[in-house]
């Protein structure tokens, strides 16, 4: 495994050591987990952003979308365990 050196301010180093101790791990393990969590969050965010851009491009290309009222009604019915027909996308009103 390659090595990377990071310089931490003393106060942050002390916080990491205390938090690692509370978590029952080493400062090294705590830092690795924090970096992995941050990378995962950034990757998920990038995925959400890419999906939103694709959906918006599709709306612009087709002019079709589903109103929030229709989608909300559908979702509420599904949450309540009711059979619900998915709403159909329609052209936006001018």
PDB file of N, CA and C in Angstrom:
ATOM      1  N   UNK A   1       0.851  -1.175   0.000  1.00  0.00           N
ATOM      2  CA  UNK A   1       0.000   0.000   0.000  1.00  0.00           C
ATOM      3  C   UNK A   1       0.893   1.233   0.000  1.00  0.00           C
ATOM      4  N   UNK A   2       0.647   2.161  -0.940  1.00  0.00           N
ATOM      5  CA  UNK A   2       1.459   3.378  -0.964  1.00  0.00           C
ATOM      6  C   UNK A   2       1.220   4.232   0.278  1.00  0.00           C
ATOM      7  N   UNK A   3       2.169   5.079   0.560  1.00  0.00           N
ATOM      8  CA  UNK A   3       2.080   5.955   1.724  1.00  0.00           C
ATOM      9  C   UNK A   3       1.843   7.380   1.272  1.00  0.00           C
ATOM     10  N   UNK A   4       0.956   8.058   1.974  1.00  0.00           N
ATOM     11  CA  UNK A   4       0.707   9.480   1.755  1.00  0.00           C
ATOM     12  C   UNK A   4       0.867  10.175   3.091  1.00  0.00           C
ATOM     13  N   UNK A   5       1.553  11.277   3.076  1.00  0.00           N
ATOM     14  CA  UNK A   5       1.757  12.040   4.303  1.00  0.00           C
ATOM     15  C   UNK A   5       0.814  13.231   4.309  1.00  0.00           C
ATOM     16  N   UNK A   6       0.131  13.412   5.428  1.00  0.00           N
ATOM     17  CA  UNK A   6      -0.689  14.616   5.596  1.00  0.00           C
ATOM     18  C   UNK A   6      -0.232  15.324   6.862  1.00  0.00           C
ATOM     19  N   UNK A   7      -0.289  16.613   6.800  1.00  0.00           N
ATOM     20  CA  UNK A   7       0.075  17.405   7.973  1.00  0.00           C
ATOM     21  C   UNK A   7      -1.218  17.918   8.602  1.00  0.00           C
ATOM     22  N   UNK A   8      -1.395  17.617   9.867  1.00  0.00           N
ATOM     23  CA  UNK A   8      -2.587  18.034  10.590  1.00  0.00           C
ATOM     24  C   UNK A   8      -2.216  19.066  11.637  1.00  0.00           C
ATOM     25  N   UNK A   9      -3.029  20.093  11.782  1.00  0.00           N
ATOM     26  CA  UNK A   9      -2.810  21.008  12.905  1.00  0.00           C
ATOM     27  C   UNK A   9      -2.939  20.214  14.212  1.00  0.00           C
ATOM     28  N   UNK A  10      -2.228  20.628  15.224  1.00  0.00           N
ATOM     29  CA  UNK A  10      -2.223  19.903  16.492  1.00  0.00           C
ATOM     30  C   UNK A  10      -3.626  19.703  17.061  1.00  0.00           C
ATOM     31  N   UNK A  11      -4.479  20.725  16.949  1.00  0.00           N
ATOM     32  CA  UNK A  11      -5.819  20.596  17.513  1.00  0.00           C
ATOM     33  C   UNK A  11      -6.633  19.536  16.763  1.00  0.00           C
ATOM     34  N   UNK A  12      -6.488  19.465  15.447  1.00  0.00           N
ATOM     35  CA  UNK A  12      -7.205  18.458  14.673  1.00  0.00           C
ATOM     36  C   UNK A  12      -6.642  17.066  14.959  1.00  0.00           C
ATOM     37  N   UNK A  13      -5.349  16.971  15.097  1.00  0.00           N
ATOM     38  CA  UNK A  13      -4.712  15.686  15.423  1.00  0.00           C
ATOM     39  C   UNK A  13      -5.242  15.166  16.758  1.00  0.00           C
ATOM     40  N   UNK A  14      -5.384  16.052  17.728  1.00  0.00           N
ATOM     41  CA  UNK A  14      -5.909  15.659  19.042  1.00  0.00           C
ATOM     42  C   UNK A  14      -7.371  15.236  18.934  1.00  0.00           C
ATOM     43  N   UNK A  15      -8.157  15.946  18.130  1.00  0.00           N
ATOM     44  CA  UNK A  15      -9.563  15.578  17.941  1.00  0.00           C
ATOM     45  C   UNK A  15      -9.683  14.212  17.280  1.00  0.00           C
ATOM     46  N   UNK A  16      -8.851  13.965  16.265  1.00  0.00           N
ATOM     47  CA  UNK A  16      -8.875  12.671  15.574  1.00  0.00           C
ATOM     48  C   UNK A  16      -8.509  11.561  16.551  1.00  0.00           C
ATOM     49  N   UNK A  17      -7.480  11.770  17.353  1.00  0.00           N
ATOM     50  CA  UNK A  17      -7.059  10.754  18.320  1.00  0.00           C
ATOM     51  C   UNK A  17      -8.176  10.459  19.319  1.00  0.00           C
ATOM     52  N   UNK A  18      -8.841  11.497  19.798  1.00  0.00           N
ATOM     53  CA  UNK A  18      -9.934  11.306  20.757  1.00  0.00           C
ATOM     54  C   UNK A  18     -11.112  10.590  20.110  1.00  0.00           C
ATOM     55  N   UNK A  19     -11.463  10.989  18.915  1.00  0.00           N
ATOM     56  CA  UNK A  19     -12.586  10.360  18.216  1.00  0.00           C
ATOM     57  C   UNK A  19     -12.268   8.913  17.876  1.00  0.00           C
ATOM     58  N   UNK A  20     -11.052   8.647  17.470  1.00  0.00           N
ATOM     59  CA  UNK A  20     -10.642   7.276  17.154  1.00  0.00           C
ATOM     60  C   UNK A  20     -10.718   6.403  18.395  1.00  0.00           C
ATOM     61  N   UNK A  21     -10.277   6.943  19.501  1.00  0.00           N
ATOM     62  CA  UNK A  21     -10.331   6.201  20.758  1.00  0.00           C
ATOM     63  C   UNK A  21     -11.773   5.861  21.131  1.00  0.00           C
ATOM     64  N   UNK A  22     -12.662   6.830  20.992  1.00  0.00           N
ATOM     65  CA  UNK A  22     -14.079   6.588  21.280  1.00  0.00           C
ATOM     66  C   UNK A  22     -14.673   5.548  20.338  1.00  0.00           C
ATOM     67  N   UNK A  23     -14.188   5.532  19.091  1.00  0.00           N
ATOM     68  CA  UNK A  23     -14.695   4.590  18.093  1.00  0.00           C
ATOM     69  C   UNK A  23     -14.029   3.226  18.210  1.00  0.00           C
ATOM     70  N   UNK A  24     -13.032   3.116  19.071  1.00  0.00           N
ATOM     71  CA  UNK A  24     -12.346   1.838  19.267  1.00  0.00           C
ATOM     72  C   UNK A  24     -11.426   1.470  18.122  1.00  0.00           C
ATOM     73  N   UNK A  25     -10.823   2.468  17.505  1.00  0.00           N
ATOM     74  CA  UNK A  25      -9.911   2.219  16.398  1.00  0.00           C
ATOM     75  C   UNK A  25      -8.682   3.097  16.554  1.00  0.00           C
ATOM     76  N   UNK A  26      -7.772   2.976  15.629  1.00  0.00           N
ATOM     77  CA  UNK A  26      -6.572   3.812  15.660  1.00  0.00           C
ATOM     78  C   UNK A  26      -6.843   5.110  14.914  1.00  0.00           C
ATOM     79  N   UNK A  27      -5.978   6.087  15.141  1.00  0.00           N
ATOM     80  CA  UNK A  27      -6.107   7.348  14.407  1.00  0.00           C
ATOM     81  C   UNK A  27      -5.965   7.074  12.908  1.00  0.00           C
ATOM     82  N   UNK A  28      -5.047   6.197  12.535  1.00  0.00           N
ATOM     83  CA  UNK A  28      -4.850   5.840  11.126  1.00  0.00           C
ATOM     84  C   UNK A  28      -6.136   5.249  10.540  1.00  0.00           C
ATOM     85  N   UNK A  29      -6.726   4.289  11.236  1.00  0.00           N
ATOM     86  CA  UNK A  29      -7.958   3.672  10.761  1.00  0.00           C
ATOM     87  C   UNK A  29      -9.094   4.677  10.675  1.00  0.00           C
ATOM     88  N   UNK A  30      -9.155   5.565  11.652  1.00  0.00           N
ATOM     89  CA  UNK A  30     -10.197   6.599  11.671  1.00  0.00           C
ATOM     90  C   UNK A  30     -10.050   7.524  10.474  1.00  0.00           C
ATOM     91  N   UNK A  31      -8.823   7.943  10.182  1.00  0.00           N
ATOM     92  CA  UNK A  31      -8.560   8.825   9.047  1.00  0.00           C
ATOM     93  C   UNK A  31      -8.891   8.120   7.735  1.00  0.00           C
ATOM     94  N   UNK A  32      -8.506   6.853   7.590  1.00  0.00           N
ATOM     95  CA  UNK A  32      -8.821   6.108   6.365  1.00  0.00           C
ATOM     96  C   UNK A  32     -10.329   6.020   6.157  1.00  0.00           C
ATOM     97  N   UNK A  33     -11.051   5.719   7.223  1.00  0.00           N
ATOM     98  CA  UNK A  33     -12.510   5.612   7.123  1.00  0.00           C
ATOM     99  C   UNK A  33     -13.128   6.961   6.756  1.00  0.00           C
ATOM    100  N   UNK A  34     -12.618   8.036   7.342  1.00  0.00           N
ATOM    101  CA  UNK A  34     -13.144   9.375   7.042  1.00  0.00           C
ATOM    102  C   UNK A  34     -12.894   9.735   5.576  1.00  0.00           C
ATOM    103  N   UNK A  35     -11.724   9.416   5.066  1.00  0.00           N
ATOM    104  CA  UNK A  35     -11.409   9.704   3.672  1.00  0.00           C
ATOM    105  C   UNK A  35     -12.304   8.873   2.750  1.00  0.00           C
ATOM    106  N   UNK A  36     -12.494   7.595   3.076  1.00  0.00           N
ATOM    107  CA  UNK A  36     -13.350   6.727   2.258  1.00  0.00           C
ATOM    108  C   UNK A  36     -14.793   7.248   2.256  1.00  0.00           C
ATOM    109  N   UNK A  37     -15.296   7.660   3.421  1.00  0.00           N
ATOM    110  CA  UNK A  37     -16.658   8.201   3.500  1.00  0.00           C
ATOM    111  C   UNK A  37     -16.796   9.466   2.664  1.00  0.00           C
ATOM    112  N   UNK A  38     -15.803  10.337   2.719  1.00  0.00           N
ATOM    113  CA  UNK A  38     -15.838  11.584   1.959  1.00  0.00           C
ATOM    114  C   UNK A  38     -15.792  11.290   0.455  1.00  0.00           C
ATOM    115  N   UNK A  39     -14.956  10.341   0.045  1.00  0.00           N
ATOM    116  CA  UNK A  39     -14.874   9.969  -1.369  1.00  0.00           C
ATOM    117  C   UNK A  39     -16.190   9.362  -1.839  1.00  0.00           C
ATOM    118  N   UNK A  40     -16.780   8.490  -1.027  1.00  0.00           N
ATOM    119  CA  UNK A  40     -18.073   7.892  -1.373  1.00  0.00           C
ATOM    120  C   UNK A  40     -19.138   8.976  -1.538  1.00  0.00           C
ATOM    121  N   UNK A  41     -19.173   9.921  -0.624  1.00  0.00           N
ATOM    122  CA  UNK A  41     -20.163  10.998  -0.676  1.00  0.00           C
ATOM    123  C   UNK A  41     -19.981  11.826  -1.948  1.00  0.00           C
ATOM    124  N   UNK A  42     -18.739  12.140  -2.298  1.00  0.00           N
ATOM    125  CA  UNK A  42     -18.473  12.930  -3.499  1.00  0.00           C
ATOM    126  C   UNK A  42     -18.886  12.155  -4.753  1.00  0.00           C
ATOM    127  N   UNK A  43     -18.616  10.844  -4.779  1.00  0.00           N
ATOM    128  CA  UNK A  43     -19.000  10.023  -5.928  1.00  0.00           C
ATOM    129  C   UNK A  43     -20.516   9.923  -6.059  1.00  0.00           C
ATOM    130  N   UNK A  44     -21.209   9.736  -4.935  1.00  0.00           N
ATOM    131  CA  UNK A  44     -22.678   9.681  -4.974  1.00  0.00           C
ATOM    132  C   UNK A  44     -23.253  11.006  -5.454  1.00  0.00           C
ATOM    133  N   UNK A  45     -22.702  12.101  -4.963  1.00  0.00           N
ATOM    134  CA  UNK A  45     -23.172  13.425  -5.366  1.00  0.00           C
ATOM    135  C   UNK A  45     -22.971  13.623  -6.864  1.00  0.00           C
ATOM    136  N   UNK A  46     -21.816  13.222  -7.367  1.00  0.00           N
ATOM    137  CA  UNK A  46     -21.552  13.346  -8.798  1.00  0.00           C
ATOM    138  C   UNK A  46     -22.548  12.506  -9.593  1.00  0.00           C
ATOM    139  N   UNK A  47     -22.887  11.323  -9.091  1.00  0.00           N
ATOM    140  CA  UNK A  47     -23.876  10.474  -9.749  1.00  0.00           C
ATOM    141  C   UNK A  47     -25.258  11.117  -9.756  1.00  0.00           C
ATOM    142  N   UNK A  48     -25.654  11.707  -8.624  1.00  0.00           N
ATOM    143  CA  UNK A  48     -26.940  12.406  -8.546  1.00  0.00           C
ATOM    144  C   UNK A  48     -26.974  13.570  -9.538  1.00  0.00           C
ATOM    145  N   UNK A  49     -25.876  14.333  -9.573  1.00  0.00           N
ATOM    146  CA  UNK A  49     -25.812  15.480 -10.474  1.00  0.00           C
ATOM    147  C   UNK A  49     -25.899  15.028 -11.933  1.00  0.00           C
ATOM    148  N   UNK A  50     -25.178  13.958 -12.275  1.00  0.00           N
ATOM    149  CA  UNK A  50     -25.204  13.447 -13.653  1.00  0.00           C
ATOM    150  C   UNK A  50     -26.605  12.978 -14.027  1.00  0.00           C
ATOM    151  N   UNK A  51     -27.274  12.279 -13.112  1.00  0.00           N
ATOM    152  CA  UNK A  51     -28.640  11.813 -13.381  1.00  0.00           C
ATOM    153  C   UNK A  51     -29.589  12.987 -13.556  1.00  0.00           C
ATOM    154  N   UNK A  52     -29.444  14.002 -12.726  1.00  0.00           N
ATOM    155  CA  UNK A  52     -30.300  15.186 -12.843  1.00  0.00           C
ATOM    156  C   UNK A  52     -30.076  15.878 -14.184  1.00  0.00           C
ATOM    157  N   UNK A  53     -28.830  15.989 -14.610  1.00  0.00           N
ATOM    158  CA  UNK A  53     -28.534  16.615 -15.901  1.00  0.00           C
ATOM    159  C   UNK A  53     -29.133  15.802 -17.050  1.00  0.00           C
ATOM    160  N   UNK A  54     -29.042  14.470 -16.965  1.00  0.00           N
ATOM    161  CA  UNK A  54     -29.624  13.614 -18.004  1.00  0.00           C
ATOM    162  C   UNK A  54     -31.136  13.783 -18.056  1.00  0.00           C
ATOM    163  N   UNK A  55     -31.769  13.806 -16.899  1.00  0.00           N
ATOM    164  CA  UNK A  55     -33.222  13.958 -16.857  1.00  0.00           C
ATOM    165  C   UNK A  55     -33.645  15.331 -17.391  1.00  0.00           C
ATOM    166  N   UNK A  56     -32.913  16.352 -17.030  1.00  0.00           N
ATOM    167  CA  UNK A  56     -33.249  17.692 -17.513  1.00  0.00           C
ATOM    168  C   UNK A  56     -33.068  17.778 -19.028  1.00  0.00           C
ATOM    169  N   UNK A  57     -32.001  17.165 -19.538  1.00  0.00           N
ATOM    170  CA  UNK A  57     -31.779  17.148 -20.986  1.00  0.00           C
ATOM    171  C   UNK A  57     -32.934  16.429 -21.685  1.00  0.00           C
ATOM    172  N   UNK A  58     -33.427  15.360 -21.089  1.00  0.00           N
ATOM    173  CA  UNK A  58     -34.554  14.616 -21.668  1.00  0.00           C
ATOM    174  C   UNK A  58     -35.817  15.485 -21.665  1.00  0.00           C
ATOM    175  N   UNK A  59     -36.033  16.248 -20.601  1.00  0.00           N
ATOM    176  CA  UNK A  59     -37.184  17.155 -20.544  1.00  0.00           C
ATOM    177  C   UNK A  59     -37.066  18.195 -21.651  1.00  0.00           C
ATOM    178  N   UNK A  60     -35.873  18.772 -21.812  1.00  0.00           N
ATOM    179  CA  UNK A  60     -35.686  19.778 -22.848  1.00  0.00           C
ATOM    180  C   UNK A  60     -35.871  19.186 -24.245  1.00  0.00           C
ATOM    181  N   UNK A  61     -35.401  17.954 -24.441  1.00  0.00           N
ATOM    182  CA  UNK A  61     -35.495  17.316 -25.752  1.00  0.00           C
ATOM    183  C   UNK A  61     -36.931  16.928 -26.110  1.00  0.00           C
ATOM    184  N   UNK A  62     -37.680  16.452 -25.131  1.00  0.00           N
ATOM    185  CA  UNK A  62     -39.033  15.964 -25.415  1.00  0.00           C
ATOM    186  C   UNK A  62     -40.114  16.971 -25.060  1.00  0.00           C
ATOM    187  N   UNK A  63     -39.798  17.879 -24.152  1.00  0.00           N
ATOM    188  CA  UNK A  63     -40.804  18.818 -23.664  1.00  0.00           C
ATOM    189  C   UNK A  63     -41.787  18.165 -22.715  1.00  0.00           C
ATOM    190  N   UNK A  64     -41.516  16.917 -22.329  1.00  0.00           N
ATOM    191  CA  UNK A  64     -42.449  16.180 -21.468  1.00  0.00           C
ATOM    192  C   UNK A  64     -41.911  16.059 -20.049  1.00  0.00           C
ATOM    193  N   UNK A  65     -42.852  16.129 -19.112  1.00  0.00           N
ATOM    194  CA  UNK A  65     -42.505  15.956 -17.706  1.00  0.00           C
ATOM    195  C   UNK A  65     -43.758  15.525 -16.942  1.00  0.00           C
ATOM    196  N   UNK A  66     -43.604  15.238 -15.688  1.00  0.00           N
ATOM    197  CA  UNK A  66     -44.719  14.852 -14.821  1.00  0.00           C
ATOM    198  C   UNK A  66     -44.848  15.936 -13.756  1.00  0.00           C
ATOM    199  N   UNK A  67     -46.058  16.396 -13.525  1.00  0.00           N
ATOM    200  CA  UNK A  67     -46.248  17.440 -12.514  1.00  0.00           C
ATOM    201  C   UNK A  67     -45.959  16.867 -11.122  1.00  0.00           C
ATOM    202  N   UNK A  68     -45.537  17.744 -10.233  1.00  0.00           N
ATOM    203  CA  UNK A  68     -45.256  17.310  -8.862  1.00  0.00           C
ATOM    204  C   UNK A  68     -46.530  16.791  -8.204  1.00  0.00           C
ATOM    205  N   UNK A  69     -47.655  17.411  -8.477  1.00  0.00           N
ATOM    206  CA  UNK A  69     -48.906  16.970  -7.857  1.00  0.00           C
ATOM    207  C   UNK A  69     -49.222  15.519  -8.230  1.00  0.00           C
ATOM    208  N   UNK A  70     -49.067  15.188  -9.518  1.00  0.00           N
ATOM    209  CA  UNK A  70     -49.326  13.812  -9.958  1.00  0.00           C
ATOM    210  C   UNK A  70     -48.330  12.833  -9.342  1.00  0.00           C
ATOM    211  N   UNK A  71     -47.071  13.207  -9.350  1.00  0.00           N
ATOM    212  CA  UNK A  71     -46.043  12.312  -8.818  1.00  0.00           C
ATOM    213  C   UNK A  71     -46.214  12.141  -7.319  1.00  0.00           C
ATOM    214  N   UNK A  72     -46.520  13.221  -6.621  1.00  0.00           N
ATOM    215  CA  UNK A  72     -46.712  13.135  -5.176  1.00  0.00           C
ATOM    216  C   UNK A  72     -47.888  12.218  -4.835  1.00  0.00           C
ATOM    217  N   UNK A  73     -48.991  12.367  -5.565  1.00  0.00           N
ATOM    218  CA  UNK A  73     -50.145  11.493  -5.342  1.00  0.00           C
ATOM    219  C   UNK A  73     -49.787  10.032  -5.563  1.00  0.00           C
ATOM    220  N   UNK A  74     -49.034   9.773  -6.612  1.00  0.00           N
ATOM    221  CA  UNK A  74     -48.592   8.409  -6.912  1.00  0.00           C
ATOM    222  C   UNK A  74     -47.720   7.868  -5.771  1.00  0.00           C
ATOM    223  N   UNK A  75     -46.747   8.656  -5.344  1.00  0.00           N
ATOM    224  CA  UNK A  75     -45.840   8.213  -4.279  1.00  0.00           C
ATOM    225  C   UNK A  75     -46.577   8.001  -2.958  1.00  0.00           C
ATOM    226  N   UNK A  76     -47.500   8.898  -2.641  1.00  0.00           N
ATOM    227  CA  UNK A  76     -48.256   8.744  -1.397  1.00  0.00           C
ATOM    228  C   UNK A  76     -49.111   7.480  -1.428  1.00  0.00           C
ATOM    229  N   UNK A  77     -49.701   7.174  -2.582  1.00  0.00           N
ATOM    230  CA  UNK A  77     -50.489   5.952  -2.705  1.00  0.00           C
ATOM    231  C   UNK A  77     -49.602   4.729  -2.523  1.00  0.00           C
ATOM    232  N   UNK A  78     -48.426   4.746  -3.131  1.00  0.00           N
ATOM    233  CA  UNK A  78     -47.495   3.615  -2.999  1.00  0.00           C
ATOM    234  C   UNK A  78     -47.046   3.426  -1.555  1.00  0.00           C
ATOM    235  N   UNK A  79     -46.755   4.540  -0.884  1.00  0.00           N
ATOM    236  CA  UNK A  79     -46.328   4.465   0.523  1.00  0.00           C
ATOM    237  C   UNK A  79     -47.445   3.883   1.380  1.00  0.00           C
ATOM    238  N   UNK A  80     -48.679   4.224   1.050  1.00  0.00           N
ATOM    239  CA  UNK A  80     -49.836   3.730   1.805  1.00  0.00           C
ATOM    240  C   UNK A  80     -50.163   2.279   1.448  1.00  0.00           C
ATOM    241  N   UNK A  81     -49.391   1.691   0.534  1.00  0.00           N
ATOM    242  CA  UNK A  81     -49.609   0.295   0.169  1.00  0.00           C
ATOM    243  C   UNK A  81     -50.726   0.101  -0.842  1.00  0.00           C
ATOM    244  N   UNK A  82     -51.161   1.169  -1.468  1.00  0.00           N
ATOM    245  CA  UNK A  82     -52.234   1.082  -2.454  1.00  0.00           C
ATOM    246  C   UNK A  82     -51.644   0.847  -3.844  1.00  0.00           C
ATOM    247  N   UNK A  83     -52.394   0.128  -4.674  1.00  0.00           N
ATOM    248  CA  UNK A  83     -51.989  -0.037  -6.061  1.00  0.00           C
ATOM    249  C   UNK A  83     -52.165   1.317  -6.744  1.00  0.00           C
ATOM    250  N   UNK A  84     -51.170   1.732  -7.488  1.00  0.00           N
ATOM    251  CA  UNK A  84     -51.251   3.034  -8.148  1.00  0.00           C
ATOM    252  C   UNK A  84     -50.625   2.936  -9.528  1.00  0.00           C
ATOM    253  N   UNK A  85     -51.273   3.531 -10.488  1.00  0.00           N
ATOM    254  CA  UNK A  85     -50.755   3.564 -11.845  1.00  0.00           C
ATOM    255  C   UNK A  85     -49.748   4.710 -11.939  1.00  0.00           C
ATOM    256  N   UNK A  86     -48.550   4.435 -12.431  1.00  0.00           N
ATOM    257  CA  UNK A  86     -47.560   5.506 -12.541  1.00  0.00           C
ATOM    258  C   UNK A  86     -48.059   6.619 -13.458  1.00  0.00           C
ATOM    259  N   UNK A  87     -47.789   7.873 -13.113  1.00  0.00           N
ATOM    260  CA  UNK A  87     -48.226   8.981 -13.965  1.00  0.00           C
ATOM    261  C   UNK A  87     -47.468   8.962 -15.297  1.00  0.00           C
ATOM    262  N   UNK A  88     -48.092   9.524 -16.306  1.00  0.00           N
ATOM    263  CA  UNK A  88     -47.508   9.575 -17.649  1.00  0.00           C
ATOM    264  C   UNK A  88     -46.986  10.974 -17.909  1.00  0.00           C
ATOM    265  N   UNK A  89     -45.794  11.054 -18.492  1.00  0.00           N
ATOM    266  CA  UNK A  89     -45.218  12.349 -18.824  1.00  0.00           C
ATOM    267  C   UNK A  89     -46.009  13.016 -19.940  1.00  0.00           C
ATOM    268  N   UNK A  90     -46.203  14.335 -19.793  1.00  0.00           N
ATOM    269  CA  UNK A  90     -46.935  15.117 -20.795  1.00  0.00           C
ATOM    270  C   UNK A  90     -46.133  16.367 -21.133  1.00  0.00           C
ATOM    271  N   UNK A  91     -46.475  16.955 -22.259  1.00  0.00           N
ATOM    272  CA  UNK A  91     -45.830  18.203 -22.673  1.00  0.00           C
ATOM    273  C   UNK A  91     -46.100  19.289 -21.634  1.00  0.00           C
ATOM    274  N   UNK A  92     -45.099  20.100 -21.398  1.00  0.00           N
ATOM    275  CA  UNK A  92     -45.253  21.229 -20.483  1.00  0.00           C
ATOM    276  C   UNK A  92     -46.183  22.270 -21.083  1.00  0.00           C
ATOM    277  N   UNK A  93     -46.954  22.898 -20.245  1.00  0.00           N
ATOM    278  CA  UNK A  93     -47.808  23.990 -20.707  1.00  0.00           C
ATOM    279  C   UNK A  93     -46.912  25.179 -21.029  1.00  0.00           C
ATOM    280  N   UNK A  94     -47.227  25.933 -22.105  1.00  0.00           N
ATOM    281  CA  UNK A  94     -46.373  27.095 -22.471  1.00  0.00           C
ATOM    282  C   UNK A  94     -46.443  28.205 -21.451  1.00  0.00           C
TER     283      UNK A  94
END
